[in-house]
Amino acid sequence: MSPETNKPDKYLLYQSSVQNPVYEVNFMRRVYRKTRGRSPLLLREDFCGTAVLACEWVRMVRGGRAVGVDLDENTLQWAAENNIARLGSKAERLELACCDVLTAENYESDIVAAFNFSYCVFKERELLLSYFRKVHETLNSTGIFFLDLYGGPDAQVIQEESREVDEEGLPFRYVWDQARYNPVTGETVCHIHFDLPGGNRIERAFSYDWRLWNLPELKDLLREAGFEKIDVYWEGTDHSTGEGNGAFRLSRKGDDSRSWICYLVATR
């Protein structure tokens, strides 16, 4: 609970409803081992927020180290007090850097991850290209860059989508609100709301002012930034519901769905 409002903490609700760090750590390790023939050790999590992915990395990877990079000092402080504090002695293998991803130190990471579509904050092509070039520099000679993307016709529609979440006995509804989309520029404004028991709502718990990049654009930019190979891992479909099934497979052709999510894997 948040002591100021006596409501559930919005960061905990976000982690419960949006993030799946165990899956993503396993996914990145599996792809890296298959590509490089060895296990990765150093992860840099860009736009890390609460650094839950970085925390899971040092928890799951024997001898693994992680760096979380984010501009928001308050969120990093929350991460330190609520996530990193629970790591015990493993916390020594995790570093938080409060800085711009464009100017962050070059850690020569095995993996750089930019998940939850966070890089979409870069709306101009040259700025996003600068970021991808920075990632290329940040990786070591066998490094791999992982990022995710969403799209499909429904991503360009003003609408709300919601689903029920029950985290450790706390039921709530996660609401994804696509509030604005400009087809001329590709700019989109989205919000996350949380509907709580008793009719309470955390309105606009998180808001995003992004450009909705498309998949061919990102692949071209990654190549221009110096990456030799870009693979796409496409989410499968649960045919009983028509929704994504949470399993991502290497694919050269996505299905013609109203909405989709994929991972891009860019190899040096």
Protein backbone atom coordinates (compact mmCIF):
# COMPACT_ATOMS: atom_id res chain seq x y z
CA MET A 1 0.00 0.00 0.00
CA SER A 2 1.04 3.57 -0.58
CA PRO A 3 1.23 5.27 2.84
CA GLU A 4 0.13 8.61 1.42
CA THR A 5 -3.09 7.40 -0.16
CA ASN A 6 -3.76 4.05 1.54
CA LYS A 7 -4.10 2.62 -1.97
CA PRO A 8 -2.08 -0.16 -3.58
CA ASP A 9 1.25 1.08 -4.90
CA LYS A 10 1.01 1.87 -8.60
CA TYR A 11 4.48 0.45 -9.27
CA LEU A 12 3.51 -2.89 -7.75
CA LEU A 13 0.32 -2.92 -9.81
CA TYR A 14 2.34 -2.17 -12.95
CA GLN A 15 4.80 -4.98 -12.26
CA SER A 16 1.94 -7.40 -11.66
CA SER A 17 -0.05 -6.51 -14.77
CA VAL A 18 2.53 -5.53 -17.38
CA GLN A 19 5.88 -7.17 -16.73
CA ASN A 20 7.00 -10.79 -16.90
CA PRO A 21 10.67 -10.69 -15.93
CA VAL A 22 11.11 -14.43 -15.38
CA TYR A 23 9.97 -15.16 -18.93
CA GLU A 24 12.12 -12.40 -20.40
CA VAL A 25 15.27 -13.44 -18.57
CA ASN A 26 14.80 -17.02 -19.77
CA PHE A 27 14.00 -15.84 -23.30
CA MET A 28 17.10 -13.64 -23.57
CA ARG A 29 19.38 -16.31 -22.13
CA ARG A 30 18.00 -18.96 -24.46
CA VAL A 31 18.41 -16.81 -27.57
CA TYR A 32 21.88 -15.65 -26.53
CA ARG A 33 23.13 -19.19 -25.84
CA LYS A 34 21.73 -20.42 -29.14
CA THR A 35 23.40 -17.54 -31.01
CA ARG A 36 26.72 -17.30 -29.19
CA GLY A 37 27.18 -20.76 -27.71
CA ARG A 38 27.73 -19.46 -24.19
CA SER A 39 25.75 -17.90 -21.37
CA PRO A 40 25.48 -14.09 -21.02
CA LEU A 41 26.48 -12.44 -17.76
CA LEU A 42 26.08 -8.65 -18.00
CA LEU A 43 22.67 -7.13 -18.73
CA ARG A 44 21.99 -3.44 -19.23
CA GLU A 45 18.28 -2.65 -18.81
CA ASP A 46 17.50 0.67 -20.51
CA PHE A 47 14.47 2.71 -19.40
CA CYS A 48 14.53 0.33 -16.44
CA GLY A 49 11.92 2.04 -14.23
CA THR A 50 11.62 -0.17 -11.15
CA ALA A 51 14.46 -2.38 -12.47
CA VAL A 52 12.43 -5.52 -11.91
CA LEU A 53 14.05 -7.16 -14.97
CA ALA A 54 17.55 -6.31 -13.78
CA CYS A 55 16.70 -7.67 -10.34
CA GLU A 56 15.40 -10.92 -11.79
CA TRP A 57 18.57 -11.20 -13.88
CA VAL A 58 20.91 -11.18 -10.89
CA ARG A 59 18.52 -13.46 -9.01
CA MET A 60 18.37 -16.07 -11.79
CA VAL A 61 21.77 -15.86 -13.51
CA ARG A 62 24.63 -17.40 -11.58
CA GLY A 63 27.35 -14.76 -11.41
CA GLY A 64 25.19 -12.42 -13.48
CA ARG A 65 25.50 -8.66 -13.20
CA ALA A 66 23.07 -5.96 -14.27
CA VAL A 67 22.88 -2.23 -14.80
CA GLY A 68 19.55 -0.37 -14.79
CA VAL A 69 19.48 2.97 -16.63
CA ASP A 70 16.67 5.49 -16.22
CA LEU A 71 16.17 9.25 -16.03
CA ASP A 72 13.56 9.23 -13.26
CA GLU A 73 15.32 9.53 -9.92
CA ASN A 74 12.14 8.92 -7.89
CA THR A 75 11.39 5.66 -9.68
CA LEU A 76 14.96 4.47 -9.22
CA GLN A 77 14.70 5.27 -5.52
CA TRP A 78 11.53 3.17 -5.37
CA ALA A 79 13.41 0.38 -7.15
CA ALA A 80 16.24 0.53 -4.62
CA GLU A 81 13.89 0.43 -1.63
CA ASN A 82 11.40 -2.13 -2.88
CA ASN A 83 13.09 -4.43 -5.39
CA ILE A 84 16.84 -4.26 -4.90
CA ALA A 85 16.56 -4.35 -1.12
CA ARG A 86 15.04 -7.83 -1.42
CA LEU A 87 18.04 -9.25 -3.28
CA GLY A 88 20.22 -9.60 -0.19
CA SER A 89 23.88 -10.12 -1.04
CA LYS A 90 23.02 -10.34 -4.75
CA ALA A 91 22.26 -6.63 -4.72
CA GLU A 92 26.01 -6.07 -4.95
CA ARG A 93 25.82 -7.25 -8.56
CA LEU A 94 23.27 -4.63 -9.61
CA GLU A 95 23.96 -0.98 -10.35
CA LEU A 96 21.44 1.80 -10.98
CA ALA A 97 22.44 4.71 -13.21
CA CYS A 98 20.26 7.82 -13.17
CA CYS A 99 21.06 9.26 -16.57
CA ASP A 100 19.93 9.54 -20.19
CA VAL A 101 20.31 6.32 -22.17
CA LEU A 102 21.91 8.43 -24.91
CA THR A 103 24.79 9.41 -22.64
CA ALA A 104 25.07 6.41 -20.33
CA GLU A 105 28.43 4.83 -19.69
CA ASN A 106 29.56 2.10 -22.09
CA TYR A 107 29.40 -1.05 -19.97
CA GLU A 108 30.30 -3.48 -22.78
CA SER A 109 27.24 -5.54 -21.95
CA ASP A 110 26.41 -8.99 -23.26
CA ILE A 111 22.79 -7.86 -23.59
CA VAL A 112 20.99 -4.53 -23.74
CA ALA A 113 17.21 -4.69 -23.25
CA ALA A 114 14.70 -1.92 -23.98
CA PHE A 115 11.29 -3.38 -23.18
CA ASN A 116 7.75 -2.12 -22.68
CA PHE A 117 8.10 -0.08 -25.90
CA SER A 118 10.00 2.54 -23.92
CA TYR A 119 12.27 3.65 -26.77
CA CYS A 120 9.16 4.95 -28.58
CA VAL A 121 9.70 8.12 -26.55
CA PHE A 122 12.16 8.98 -29.34
CA LYS A 123 9.84 10.41 -31.98
CA GLU A 124 12.40 11.66 -34.51
CA ARG A 125 14.20 9.22 -36.77
CA GLU A 126 17.65 10.71 -36.15
CA LEU A 127 17.15 10.59 -32.39
CA LEU A 128 16.10 6.94 -32.42
CA LEU A 129 19.01 6.15 -34.73
CA SER A 130 21.35 7.87 -32.25
CA TYR A 131 19.99 5.65 -29.49
CA PHE A 132 20.44 2.48 -31.54
CA ARG A 133 24.00 3.53 -32.36
CA LYS A 134 24.63 4.13 -28.66
CA VAL A 135 23.37 0.62 -27.88
CA HIS A 136 25.66 -0.79 -30.57
CA GLU A 137 28.60 0.96 -28.90
CA THR A 138 27.51 -0.17 -25.44
CA LEU A 139 27.47 -3.86 -26.34
CA ASN A 140 30.60 -5.96 -26.36
CA SER A 141 31.77 -7.60 -29.59
CA THR A 142 29.34 -10.52 -29.17
CA GLY A 143 26.50 -8.46 -27.68
CA ILE A 144 22.80 -8.70 -28.55
CA PHE A 145 20.09 -6.03 -28.33
CA PHE A 146 16.55 -7.04 -27.35
CA LEU A 147 13.52 -4.78 -27.75
CA ASP A 148 9.78 -5.25 -28.11
CA LEU A 149 7.12 -3.66 -30.29
CA TYR A 150 3.35 -3.62 -30.57
CA GLY A 151 1.27 -2.85 -33.63
CA GLY A 152 -1.63 -3.79 -35.86
CA PRO A 153 -4.70 -1.80 -36.90
CA ASP A 154 -6.08 -1.74 -33.35
CA ALA A 155 -2.96 0.09 -32.16
CA GLN A 156 -4.13 3.12 -34.18
CA VAL A 157 -7.64 3.23 -32.72
CA ILE A 158 -8.78 5.43 -29.84
CA GLN A 159 -10.07 2.84 -27.39
CA GLU A 160 -9.70 1.24 -23.98
CA GLU A 161 -8.83 -2.39 -23.32
CA SER A 162 -8.89 -4.02 -19.91
CA ARG A 163 -8.29 -7.29 -18.15
CA GLU A 164 -8.61 -8.66 -14.64
CA VAL A 165 -5.49 -9.25 -12.57
CA ASP A 166 -5.23 -10.99 -9.22
CA GLU A 167 -1.88 -10.52 -7.54
CA GLU A 168 -1.48 -12.33 -4.22
CA GLY A 169 -5.14 -11.95 -3.35
CA LEU A 170 -5.42 -8.35 -4.53
CA PRO A 171 -7.84 -8.27 -7.48
CA PHE A 172 -7.81 -5.25 -9.76
CA ARG A 173 -8.50 -4.32 -13.36
CA TYR A 174 -5.70 -3.14 -15.64
CA VAL A 175 -6.90 -0.61 -18.23
CA TRP A 176 -4.87 0.32 -21.34
CA ASP A 177 -6.20 3.60 -22.71
CA GLN A 178 -5.24 4.64 -26.24
CA ALA A 179 -6.29 8.26 -25.89
CA ARG A 180 -4.92 9.83 -29.06
CA TYR A 181 -3.34 8.82 -32.37
CA ASN A 182 -2.13 11.03 -35.22
CA PRO A 183 -1.76 9.07 -38.49
CA VAL A 184 0.22 11.91 -40.08
CA THR A 185 3.06 11.73 -37.55
CA GLY A 186 2.51 8.33 -35.95
CA GLU A 187 2.34 10.02 -32.55
CA THR A 188 0.20 8.39 -29.90
CA VAL A 189 -0.76 9.19 -26.31
CA CYS A 190 -1.64 6.29 -24.03
CA HIS A 191 -2.46 5.91 -20.35
CA ILE A 192 -2.64 3.09 -17.85
CA HIS A 193 -5.44 3.17 -15.25
CA PHE A 194 -6.01 0.74 -12.41
CA ASP A 195 -9.56 -0.03 -11.24
CA LEU A 196 -9.51 -1.20 -7.64
CA PRO A 197 -12.06 -2.98 -5.46
CA GLY A 198 -14.80 -0.73 -4.12
CA GLY A 199 -15.03 1.36 -7.27
CA ASN A 200 -11.77 3.23 -6.73
CA ARG A 201 -9.53 4.05 -9.67
CA ILE A 202 -5.94 5.20 -10.01
CA GLU A 203 -6.47 7.46 -13.01
CA ARG A 204 -3.54 7.86 -15.40
CA ALA A 205 -1.18 5.97 -13.14
CA PHE A 206 1.21 6.05 -16.08
CA SER A 207 1.07 8.11 -19.29
CA TYR A 208 3.06 7.78 -22.49
CA ASP A 209 3.67 10.25 -25.31
CA TRP A 210 5.20 8.11 -28.06
CA ARG A 211 5.66 7.60 -31.73
CA LEU A 212 4.26 4.27 -32.84
CA TRP A 213 7.08 2.94 -35.00
CA ASN A 214 6.45 0.11 -37.42
CA LEU A 215 8.47 -3.05 -37.75
CA PRO A 216 10.19 -2.41 -41.12
CA GLU A 217 11.24 1.07 -39.91
CA LEU A 218 12.89 -0.38 -36.82
CA LYS A 219 14.69 -3.10 -38.77
CA ASP A 220 16.06 -0.50 -41.21
CA LEU A 221 17.22 1.73 -38.36
CA LEU A 222 18.92 -1.14 -36.55
CA ARG A 223 20.82 -2.10 -39.70
CA GLU A 224 21.82 1.52 -40.22
CA ALA A 225 23.08 1.62 -36.63
CA GLY A 226 25.47 -1.23 -37.42
CA PHE A 227 23.66 -4.41 -36.39
CA GLU A 228 24.39 -7.28 -38.75
CA LYS A 229 21.28 -9.40 -38.18
CA ILE A 230 17.78 -8.60 -36.96
CA ASP A 231 15.44 -11.44 -36.04
CA VAL A 232 11.76 -11.18 -35.16
CA TYR A 233 10.13 -13.38 -32.53
CA TRP A 234 6.38 -13.33 -33.09
CA GLU A 235 3.78 -14.13 -30.47
CA GLY A 236 1.59 -17.15 -31.14
CA THR A 237 -2.20 -17.12 -30.96
CA ASP A 238 -4.49 -18.89 -28.54
CA HIS A 239 -7.08 -20.09 -31.03
CA SER A 240 -9.73 -20.56 -28.36
CA THR A 241 -9.67 -16.85 -27.51
CA GLY A 242 -8.01 -15.25 -30.52
CA GLU A 243 -5.57 -13.52 -28.15
CA GLY A 244 -1.80 -13.85 -27.89
CA ASN A 245 -0.63 -16.95 -26.06
CA GLY A 246 2.55 -15.48 -24.56
CA ALA A 247 4.86 -17.79 -26.54
CA PHE A 248 7.29 -16.11 -28.95
CA ARG A 249 8.90 -17.96 -31.83
CA LEU A 250 11.39 -16.95 -34.50
CA SER A 251 9.35 -16.00 -37.56
CA ARG A 252 9.78 -14.45 -40.98
CA LYS A 253 6.06 -13.79 -41.36
CA GLY A 254 3.61 -12.44 -38.80
CA ASP A 255 -0.08 -13.26 -38.86
CA ASP A 256 -2.67 -10.74 -40.05
CA SER A 257 -4.10 -9.92 -36.64
CA ARG A 258 -5.80 -6.77 -35.39
CA SER A 259 -3.10 -6.34 -32.76
CA TRP A 260 0.21 -8.03 -32.13
CA ILE A 261 3.37 -7.96 -30.02
CA CYS A 262 6.82 -9.13 -31.03
CA TYR A 263 10.44 -9.07 -29.91
CA LEU A 264 13.25 -7.83 -32.11
CA VAL A 265 16.69 -9.36 -31.57
CA ALA A 266 19.54 -7.36 -33.10
CA THR A 267 22.95 -9.04 -33.23
CA ARG A 268 26.29 -7.28 -33.61
